[in-house]
Amino acid sequence: IPSSRRPVSHGCIRGYYKAIPDVYAKVRVGTP
């Protein structure tokens, strides 16, 4: 995640490394 907080990916949505494991644990295939 750039310090400028601008969009920089190739289309995917990157998430902050401190948050994503917790998010991943709470979703499943089919989550809206």
Full PDB file with SEQRES, HELIX, SHEET, SSBOND, CRYST1, ORIGX, SCALE, CONECT and MASTER records, all heavy atoms in Angstrom:
SEQRES   1 A   32  ILE PRO SER SER ARG ARG PRO VAL SER HIS GLY CYS ILE          
SEQRES   2 A   32  ARG GLY TYR TYR LYS ALA ILE PRO ASP VAL TYR ALA LYS          
SEQRES   3 A   32  VAL ARG VAL GLY THR PRO                                      
HELIX    1 AA1 ILE A   20  TYR A   24  1                                   5    
CRYST1    1.000    1.000    1.000  90.00  90.00  90.00 P 1           1          
ORIGX1      1.000000  0.000000  0.000000        0.00000                         
ORIGX2      0.000000  1.000000  0.000000        0.00000                         
ORIGX3      0.000000  0.000000  1.000000        0.00000                         
SCALE1      1.000000  0.000000  0.000000        0.00000                         
SCALE2      0.000000  1.000000  0.000000        0.00000                         
SCALE3      0.000000  0.000000  1.000000        0.00000                         
ATOM      1  N   ILE A   1       0.869  -1.174   0.000  1.00  0.00           N  
ATOM      2  CA  ILE A   1       0.000   0.000   0.000  1.00  0.00           C  
ATOM      3  C   ILE A   1       0.909   1.228   0.000  1.00  0.00           C  
ATOM      4  O   ILE A   1       1.662   1.431   0.946  1.00  0.00           O  
ATOM      5  CB  ILE A   1      -0.912   0.044   1.243  1.00  0.00           C  
ATOM      6  CG1 ILE A   1      -1.671  -1.283   1.419  1.00  0.00           C  
ATOM      7  CG2 ILE A   1      -1.873   1.223   1.150  1.00  0.00           C  
ATOM      8  CD1 ILE A   1      -2.651  -1.603   0.335  1.00  0.00           C  
ATOM      9  N   PRO A   2       0.874   2.058  -1.047  1.00  0.00           N  
ATOM     10  CA  PRO A   2       1.782   3.209  -1.105  1.00  0.00           C  
ATOM     11  C   PRO A   2       1.449   4.256  -0.051  1.00  0.00           C  
ATOM     12  O   PRO A   2       0.286   4.426   0.329  1.00  0.00           O  
ATOM     13  CB  PRO A   2       1.560   3.758  -2.511  1.00  0.00           C  
ATOM     14  CG  PRO A   2       0.174   3.340  -2.873  1.00  0.00           C  
ATOM     15  CD  PRO A   2      -0.017   1.996  -2.222  1.00  0.00           C  
ATOM     16  N   SER A   3       2.481   4.953   0.420  1.00  0.00           N  
ATOM     17  CA  SER A   3       2.271   5.991   1.430  1.00  0.00           C  
ATOM     18  C   SER A   3       1.410   7.125   0.887  1.00  0.00           C  
ATOM     19  O   SER A   3       0.728   7.810   1.646  1.00  0.00           O  
ATOM     20  CB  SER A   3       3.620   6.543   1.912  1.00  0.00           C  
ATOM     21  OG  SER A   3       4.366   7.058   0.818  1.00  0.00           O  
ATOM     22  N   SER A   4       1.412   7.309  -0.434  1.00  0.00           N  
ATOM     23  CA  SER A   4       0.569   8.342  -1.057  1.00  0.00           C  
ATOM     24  C   SER A   4      -0.892   7.936  -1.073  1.00  0.00           C  
ATOM     25  O   SER A   4      -1.767   8.757  -1.351  1.00  0.00           O  
ATOM     26  CB  SER A   4       1.035   8.598  -2.487  1.00  0.00           C  
ATOM     27  OG  SER A   4       0.909   7.410  -3.264  1.00  0.00           O  
ATOM     28  N   ARG A   5      -1.161   6.661  -0.773  1.00  0.00           N  
ATOM     29  CA  ARG A   5      -2.503   6.093  -0.733  1.00  0.00           C  
ATOM     30  C   ARG A   5      -3.230   6.236  -2.062  1.00  0.00           C  
ATOM     31  O   ARG A   5      -4.451   6.424  -2.095  1.00  0.00           O  
ATOM     32  CB  ARG A   5      -3.315   6.725   0.409  1.00  0.00           C  
ATOM     33  CG  ARG A   5      -2.706   6.577   1.786  1.00  0.00           C  
ATOM     34  CD  ARG A   5      -2.474   5.117   2.151  1.00  0.00           C  
ATOM     35  NE  ARG A   5      -3.640   4.314   1.852  1.00  0.00           N  
ATOM     36  CZ  ARG A   5      -4.762   4.356   2.562  1.00  0.00           C  
ATOM     37  NH1 ARG A   5      -4.824   5.117   3.626  1.00  0.00           N  
ATOM     38  NH2 ARG A   5      -5.786   3.612   2.215  1.00  0.00           N  
ATOM     39  N   ARG A   6      -2.514   6.080  -3.170  1.00  0.00           N  
ATOM     40  CA  ARG A   6      -3.141   6.150  -4.488  1.00  0.00           C  
ATOM     41  C   ARG A   6      -3.329   4.743  -5.058  1.00  0.00           C  
ATOM     42  O   ARG A   6      -2.666   3.794  -4.632  1.00  0.00           O  
ATOM     43  CB  ARG A   6      -2.294   6.990  -5.438  1.00  0.00           C  
ATOM     44  CG  ARG A   6      -0.985   6.352  -5.843  1.00  0.00           C  
ATOM     45  CD  ARG A   6      -0.138   7.296  -6.689  1.00  0.00           C  
ATOM     46  NE  ARG A   6       0.999   6.633  -7.296  1.00  0.00           N  
ATOM     47  CZ  ARG A   6       2.122   6.341  -6.671  1.00  0.00           C  
ATOM     48  NH1 ARG A   6       2.260   6.663  -5.389  1.00  0.00           N  
ATOM     49  NH2 ARG A   6       3.109   5.725  -7.312  1.00  0.00           N  
ATOM     50  N   PRO A   7      -4.207   4.577  -6.050  1.00  0.00           N  
ATOM     51  CA  PRO A   7      -4.388   3.274  -6.699  1.00  0.00           C  
ATOM     52  C   PRO A   7      -3.149   2.913  -7.524  1.00  0.00           C  
ATOM     53  O   PRO A   7      -2.716   3.716  -8.347  1.00  0.00           O  
ATOM     54  CB  PRO A   7      -5.601   3.498  -7.607  1.00  0.00           C  
ATOM     55  CG  PRO A   7      -6.267   4.742  -7.114  1.00  0.00           C  
ATOM     56  CD  PRO A   7      -5.174   5.582  -6.533  1.00  0.00           C  
ATOM     57  N   VAL A   8      -2.586   1.729  -7.322  1.00  0.00           N  
ATOM     58  CA  VAL A   8      -1.356   1.366  -8.031  1.00  0.00           C  
ATOM     59  C   VAL A   8      -1.359  -0.058  -8.577  1.00  0.00           C  
ATOM     60  O   VAL A   8      -0.400  -0.470  -9.222  1.00  0.00           O  
ATOM     61  CB  VAL A   8      -0.113   1.546  -7.133  1.00  0.00           C  
ATOM     62  CG1 VAL A   8       0.109   3.002  -6.771  1.00  0.00           C  
ATOM     63  CG2 VAL A   8      -0.211   0.684  -5.880  1.00  0.00           C  
ATOM     64  N   SER A   9      -2.413  -0.837  -8.353  1.00  0.00           N  
ATOM     65  CA  SER A   9      -2.381  -2.244  -8.730  1.00  0.00           C  
ATOM     66  C   SER A   9      -2.724  -2.445 -10.207  1.00  0.00           C  
ATOM     67  O   SER A   9      -3.047  -1.506 -10.935  1.00  0.00           O  
ATOM     68  CB  SER A   9      -3.352  -3.048  -7.861  1.00  0.00           C  
ATOM     69  OG  SER A   9      -4.663  -2.979  -8.369  1.00  0.00           O  
ATOM     70  N   HIS A  10      -2.677  -3.706 -10.640  1.00  0.00           N  
ATOM     71  CA  HIS A  10      -3.038  -4.075 -12.013  1.00  0.00           C  
ATOM     72  C   HIS A  10      -4.523  -4.396 -12.147  1.00  0.00           C  
ATOM     73  O   HIS A  10      -4.937  -4.983 -13.144  1.00  0.00           O  
ATOM     74  CB  HIS A  10      -2.217  -5.279 -12.478  1.00  0.00           C  
ATOM     75  CG  HIS A  10      -0.769  -4.979 -12.710  1.00  0.00           C  
ATOM     76  ND1 HIS A  10       0.218  -5.340 -11.817  1.00  0.00           N  
ATOM     77  CD2 HIS A  10      -0.138  -4.340 -13.728  1.00  0.00           C  
ATOM     78  CE1 HIS A  10       1.397  -4.953 -12.276  1.00  0.00           C  
ATOM     79  NE2 HIS A  10       1.214  -4.338 -13.428  1.00  0.00           N  
ATOM     80  N   GLY A  11      -5.313  -4.047 -11.161  1.00  0.00           N  
ATOM     81  CA  GLY A  11      -6.750  -4.306 -11.204  1.00  0.00           C  
ATOM     82  C   GLY A  11      -7.265  -4.965  -9.944  1.00  0.00           C  
ATOM     83  O   GLY A  11      -8.420  -4.782  -9.557  1.00  0.00           O  
ATOM     84  N   CYS A  12      -6.408  -5.783  -9.319  1.00  0.00           N  
ATOM     85  CA  CYS A  12      -6.792  -6.367  -8.024  1.00  0.00           C  
ATOM     86  C   CYS A  12      -6.881  -5.263  -6.970  1.00  0.00           C  
ATOM     87  O   CYS A  12      -6.402  -4.156  -7.167  1.00  0.00           O  
ATOM     88  CB  CYS A  12      -5.755  -7.398  -7.585  1.00  0.00           C  
ATOM     89  SG  CYS A  12      -5.891  -8.983  -8.436  1.00  0.00           S  
ATOM     90  N   ILE A  13      -7.461  -5.619  -5.854  1.00  0.00           N  
ATOM     91  CA  ILE A  13      -7.539  -4.667  -4.749  1.00  0.00           C  
ATOM     92  C   ILE A  13      -6.646  -5.179  -3.625  1.00  0.00           C  
ATOM     93  O   ILE A  13      -6.949  -6.179  -2.966  1.00  0.00           O  
ATOM     94  CB  ILE A  13      -8.982  -4.471  -4.274  1.00  0.00           C  
ATOM     95  CG1 ILE A  13      -9.809  -3.882  -5.420  1.00  0.00           C  
ATOM     96  CG2 ILE A  13      -9.025  -3.569  -3.049  1.00  0.00           C  
ATOM     97  CD1 ILE A  13     -11.251  -3.643  -5.105  1.00  0.00           C  
ATOM     98  N   ARG A  14      -5.509  -4.514  -3.470  1.00  0.00           N  
ATOM     99  CA  ARG A  14      -4.572  -4.885  -2.417  1.00  0.00           C  
ATOM    100  C   ARG A  14      -5.132  -4.461  -1.057  1.00  0.00           C  
ATOM    101  O   ARG A  14      -5.807  -3.439  -0.951  1.00  0.00           O  
ATOM    102  CB  ARG A  14      -3.228  -4.201  -2.627  1.00  0.00           C  
ATOM    103  CG  ARG A  14      -2.550  -4.522  -3.944  1.00  0.00           C  
ATOM    104  CD  ARG A  14      -1.296  -3.692  -4.096  1.00  0.00           C  
ATOM    105  NE  ARG A  14      -0.628  -3.898  -5.370  1.00  0.00           N  
ATOM    106  CZ  ARG A  14       0.451  -3.231  -5.753  1.00  0.00           C  
ATOM    107  NH1 ARG A  14       0.984  -2.298  -4.945  1.00  0.00           N  
ATOM    108  NH2 ARG A  14       1.016  -3.484  -6.911  1.00  0.00           N  
ATOM    109  N   GLY A  15      -4.817  -5.233  -0.042  1.00  0.00           N  
ATOM    110  CA  GLY A  15      -5.229  -4.893   1.306  1.00  0.00           C  
ATOM    111  C   GLY A  15      -4.036  -4.843   2.237  1.00  0.00           C  
ATOM    112  O   GLY A  15      -3.021  -5.518   2.004  1.00  0.00           O  
ATOM    113  N   TYR A  16      -4.132  -4.054   3.275  1.00  0.00           N  
ATOM    114  CA  TYR A  16      -3.057  -3.862   4.242  1.00  0.00           C  
ATOM    115  C   TYR A  16      -2.751  -5.189   4.934  1.00  0.00           C  
ATOM    116  O   TYR A  16      -3.653  -5.894   5.395  1.00  0.00           O  
ATOM    117  CB  TYR A  16      -3.480  -2.806   5.251  1.00  0.00           C  
ATOM    118  CG  TYR A  16      -2.377  -2.214   6.081  1.00  0.00           C  
ATOM    119  CD1 TYR A  16      -1.089  -2.064   5.596  1.00  0.00           C  
ATOM    120  CD2 TYR A  16      -2.635  -1.782   7.380  1.00  0.00           C  
ATOM    121  CE1 TYR A  16      -0.085  -1.496   6.371  1.00  0.00           C  
ATOM    122  CE2 TYR A  16      -1.646  -1.207   8.162  1.00  0.00           C  
ATOM    123  CZ  TYR A  16      -0.367  -1.074   7.653  1.00  0.00           C  
ATOM    124  OH  TYR A  16       0.626  -0.516   8.423  1.00  0.00           O  
ATOM    125  N   TYR A  17      -1.461  -5.511   5.045  1.00  0.00           N  
ATOM    126  CA  TYR A  17      -1.053  -6.821   5.554  1.00  0.00           C  
ATOM    127  C   TYR A  17      -1.495  -7.060   6.995  1.00  0.00           C  
ATOM    128  O   TYR A  17      -1.674  -8.212   7.423  1.00  0.00           O  
ATOM    129  CB  TYR A  17       0.469  -6.979   5.436  1.00  0.00           C  
ATOM    130  CG  TYR A  17       1.277  -6.203   6.453  1.00  0.00           C  
ATOM    131  CD1 TYR A  17       1.774  -6.806   7.609  1.00  0.00           C  
ATOM    132  CD2 TYR A  17       1.544  -4.833   6.265  1.00  0.00           C  
ATOM    133  CE1 TYR A  17       2.509  -6.096   8.542  1.00  0.00           C  
ATOM    134  CE2 TYR A  17       2.288  -4.114   7.189  1.00  0.00           C  
ATOM    135  CZ  TYR A  17       2.759  -4.745   8.325  1.00  0.00           C  
ATOM    136  OH  TYR A  17       3.485  -4.028   9.249  1.00  0.00           O  
ATOM    137  N   LYS A  18      -1.690  -5.996   7.777  1.00  0.00           N  
ATOM    138  CA  LYS A  18      -2.116  -6.157   9.162  1.00  0.00           C  
ATOM    139  C   LYS A  18      -3.612  -6.465   9.273  1.00  0.00           C  
ATOM    140  O   LYS A  18      -4.075  -6.883  10.339  1.00  0.00           O  
ATOM    141  CB  LYS A  18      -1.805  -4.892   9.965  1.00  0.00           C  
ATOM    142  CG  LYS A  18      -0.324  -4.639  10.175  1.00  0.00           C  
ATOM    143  CD  LYS A  18      -0.102  -3.399  11.037  1.00  0.00           C  
ATOM    144  CE  LYS A  18       1.372  -3.150  11.311  1.00  0.00           C  
ATOM    145  NZ  LYS A  18       1.596  -1.941  12.155  1.00  0.00           N  
ATOM    146  N   ALA A  19      -4.359  -6.261   8.188  1.00  0.00           N  
ATOM    147  CA  ALA A  19      -5.811  -6.435   8.239  1.00  0.00           C  
ATOM    148  C   ALA A  19      -6.305  -7.672   7.503  1.00  0.00           C  
ATOM    149  O   ALA A  19      -7.253  -8.334   7.946  1.00  0.00           O  
ATOM    150  CB  ALA A  19      -6.502  -5.195   7.668  1.00  0.00           C  
ATOM    151  N   ILE A  20      -5.682  -7.992   6.367  1.00  0.00           N  
ATOM    152  CA  ILE A  20      -6.244  -9.005   5.483  1.00  0.00           C  
ATOM    153  C   ILE A  20      -6.389 -10.394   6.114  1.00  0.00           C  
ATOM    154  O   ILE A  20      -7.410 -11.059   5.892  1.00  0.00           O  
ATOM    155  CB  ILE A  20      -5.423  -9.075   4.171  1.00  0.00           C  
ATOM    156  CG1 ILE A  20      -5.660  -7.807   3.353  1.00  0.00           C  
ATOM    157  CG2 ILE A  20      -5.830 -10.289   3.341  1.00  0.00           C  
ATOM    158  CD1 ILE A  20      -7.100  -7.575   2.938  1.00  0.00           C  
ATOM    159  N   PRO A  21      -5.440 -10.894   6.900  1.00  0.00           N  
ATOM    160  CA  PRO A  21      -5.676 -12.209   7.514  1.00  0.00           C  
ATOM    161  C   PRO A  21      -6.956 -12.261   8.346  1.00  0.00           C  
ATOM    162  O   PRO A  21      -7.669 -13.271   8.334  1.00  0.00           O  
ATOM    163  CB  PRO A  21      -4.425 -12.418   8.384  1.00  0.00           C  
ATOM    164  CG  PRO A  21      -3.365 -11.641   7.679  1.00  0.00           C  
ATOM    165  CD  PRO A  21      -4.064 -10.407   7.186  1.00  0.00           C  
ATOM    166  N   ASP A  22      -7.265 -11.178   9.064  1.00  0.00           N  
ATOM    167  CA  ASP A  22      -8.496 -11.131   9.862  1.00  0.00           C  
ATOM    168  C   ASP A  22      -9.738 -11.071   8.981  1.00  0.00           C  
ATOM    169  O   ASP A  22     -10.779 -11.636   9.319  1.00  0.00           O  
ATOM    170  CB  ASP A  22      -8.467  -9.927  10.807  1.00  0.00           C  
ATOM    171  CG  ASP A  22      -7.492 -10.109  11.958  1.00  0.00           C  
ATOM    172  OD1 ASP A  22      -7.067 -11.254  12.210  1.00  0.00           O  
ATOM    173  OD2 ASP A  22      -7.137  -9.103  12.600  1.00  0.00           O  
ATOM    174  N   VAL A  23      -9.629 -10.363   7.863  1.00  0.00           N  
ATOM    175  CA  VAL A  23     -10.752 -10.293   6.921  1.00  0.00           C  
ATOM    176  C   VAL A  23     -10.968 -11.665   6.275  1.00  0.00           C  
ATOM    177  O   VAL A  23     -12.102 -12.165   6.192  1.00  0.00           O  
ATOM    178  CB  VAL A  23     -10.479  -9.223   5.837  1.00  0.00           C  
ATOM    179  CG1 VAL A  23     -11.549  -9.265   4.755  1.00  0.00           C  
ATOM    180  CG2 VAL A  23     -10.399  -7.834   6.464  1.00  0.00           C  
ATOM    181  N   TYR A  24      -9.886 -12.272   5.834  1.00  0.00           N  
ATOM    182  CA  TYR A  24      -9.927 -13.581   5.162  1.00  0.00           C  
ATOM    183  C   TYR A  24     -10.620 -14.624   6.039  1.00  0.00           C  
ATOM    184  O   TYR A  24     -11.374 -15.475   5.550  1.00  0.00           O  
ATOM    185  CB  TYR A  24      -8.492 -14.005   4.857  1.00  0.00           C  
ATOM    186  CG  TYR A  24      -8.349 -15.279   4.055  1.00  0.00           C  
ATOM    187  CD1 TYR A  24      -8.260 -15.253   2.673  1.00  0.00           C  
ATOM    188  CD2 TYR A  24      -8.238 -16.518   4.694  1.00  0.00           C  
ATOM    189  CE1 TYR A  24      -8.085 -16.419   1.935  1.00  0.00           C  
ATOM    190  CE2 TYR A  24      -8.075 -17.685   3.973  1.00  0.00           C  
ATOM    191  CZ  TYR A  24      -7.996 -17.627   2.594  1.00  0.00           C  
ATOM    192  OH  TYR A  24      -7.825 -18.785   1.870  1.00  0.00           O  
ATOM    193  N   ALA A  25     -10.366 -14.551   7.345  1.00  0.00           N  
ATOM    194  CA  ALA A  25     -10.922 -15.533   8.272  1.00  0.00           C  
ATOM    195  C   ALA A  25     -12.432 -15.440   8.413  1.00  0.00           C  
ATOM    196  O   ALA A  25     -13.075 -16.390   8.890  1.00  0.00           O  
ATOM    197  CB  ALA A  25     -10.273 -15.367   9.649  1.00  0.00           C  
ATOM    198  N   LYS A  26     -13.014 -14.315   7.985  1.00  0.00           N  
ATOM    199  CA  LYS A  26     -14.444 -14.083   8.200  1.00  0.00           C  
ATOM    200  C   LYS A  26     -15.278 -14.139   6.922  1.00  0.00           C  
ATOM    201  O   LYS A  26     -16.464 -13.790   6.948  1.00  0.00           O  
ATOM    202  CB  LYS A  26     -14.648 -12.727   8.890  1.00  0.00           C  
ATOM    203  CG  LYS A  26     -14.030 -12.634  10.282  1.00  0.00           C  
ATOM    204  CD  LYS A  26     -14.706 -13.558  11.275  1.00  0.00           C  
ATOM    205  CE  LYS A  26     -14.158 -13.377  12.689  1.00  0.00           C  
ATOM    206  NZ  LYS A  26     -14.902 -14.189  13.693  1.00  0.00           N  
ATOM    207  N   VAL A  27     -14.683 -14.561   5.815  1.00  0.00           N  
ATOM    208  CA  VAL A  27     -15.448 -14.678   4.570  1.00  0.00           C  
ATOM    209  C   VAL A  27     -15.339 -16.109   4.045  1.00  0.00           C  
ATOM    210  O   VAL A  27     -14.491 -16.883   4.485  1.00  0.00           O  
ATOM    211  CB  VAL A  27     -14.952 -13.681   3.490  1.00  0.00           C  
ATOM    212  CG1 VAL A  27     -15.013 -12.251   4.005  1.00  0.00           C  
ATOM    213  CG2 VAL A  27     -13.550 -14.027   3.002  1.00  0.00           C  
ATOM    214  N   ARG A  28     -16.194 -16.438   3.096  1.00  0.00           N  
ATOM    215  CA  ARG A  28     -16.199 -17.762   2.477  1.00  0.00           C  
ATOM    216  C   ARG A  28     -16.534 -17.616   0.998  1.00  0.00           C  
ATOM    217  O   ARG A  28     -16.869 -16.512   0.531  1.00  0.00           O  
ATOM    218  CB  ARG A  28     -17.241 -18.656   3.150  1.00  0.00           C  
ATOM    219  CG  ARG A  28     -18.672 -18.184   2.928  1.00  0.00           C  
ATOM    220  CD  ARG A  28     -19.683 -19.063   3.634  1.00  0.00           C  
ATOM    221  NE  ARG A  28     -21.064 -18.607   3.424  1.00  0.00           N  
ATOM    222  CZ  ARG A  28     -22.114 -19.170   3.989  1.00  0.00           C  
ATOM    223  NH1 ARG A  28     -21.964 -20.185   4.818  1.00  0.00           N  
ATOM    224  NH2 ARG A  28     -23.332 -18.697   3.746  1.00  0.00           N  
ATOM    225  N   VAL A  29     -16.417 -18.677   0.258  1.00  0.00           N  
ATOM    226  CA  VAL A  29     -16.875 -18.662  -1.124  1.00  0.00           C  
ATOM    227  C   VAL A  29     -18.377 -18.367  -1.114  1.00  0.00           C  
ATOM    228  O   VAL A  29     -19.149 -19.065  -0.443  1.00  0.00           O  
ATOM    229  CB  VAL A  29     -16.591 -20.015  -1.824  1.00  0.00           C  
ATOM    230  CG1 VAL A  29     -17.237 -20.054  -3.201  1.00  0.00           C  
ATOM    231  CG2 VAL A  29     -15.085 -20.231  -1.936  1.00  0.00           C  
ATOM    232  N   GLY A  30     -18.760 -17.297  -1.801  1.00  0.00           N  
ATOM    233  CA  GLY A  30     -20.154 -16.861  -1.811  1.00  0.00           C  
ATOM    234  C   GLY A  30     -20.400 -15.590  -1.024  1.00  0.00           C  
ATOM    235  O   GLY A  30     -21.488 -14.996  -1.134  1.00  0.00           O  
ATOM    236  N   THR A  31     -19.422 -15.134  -0.246  1.00  0.00           N  
ATOM    237  CA  THR A  31     -19.601 -13.881   0.517  1.00  0.00           C  
ATOM    238  C   THR A  31     -19.804 -12.708  -0.444  1.00  0.00           C  
ATOM    239  O   THR A  31     -19.038 -12.546  -1.403  1.00  0.00           O  
ATOM    240  CB  THR A  31     -18.361 -13.609   1.397  1.00  0.00           C  
ATOM    241  OG1 THR A  31     -18.285 -14.612   2.419  1.00  0.00           O  
ATOM    242  CG2 THR A  31     -18.435 -12.230   2.049  1.00  0.00           C  
ATOM    243  N   PRO A  32     -20.824 -11.860  -0.211  1.00  0.00           N  
ATOM    244  CA  PRO A  32     -21.070 -10.708  -1.084  1.00  0.00           C  
ATOM    245  C   PRO A  32     -19.951  -9.661  -1.001  1.00  0.00           C  
ATOM    246  O   PRO A  32     -19.416  -9.401   0.085  1.00  0.00           O  
ATOM    247  CB  PRO A  32     -22.384 -10.134  -0.558  1.00  0.00           C  
ATOM    248  CG  PRO A  32     -23.009 -11.224   0.251  1.00  0.00           C  
ATOM    249  CD  PRO A  32     -21.858 -11.992   0.822  1.00  0.00           C  
TER     250      PRO A  32                                                      
MASTER        0    0    0    1    0    0    0    6  249    1    0    3          
END                                                                             
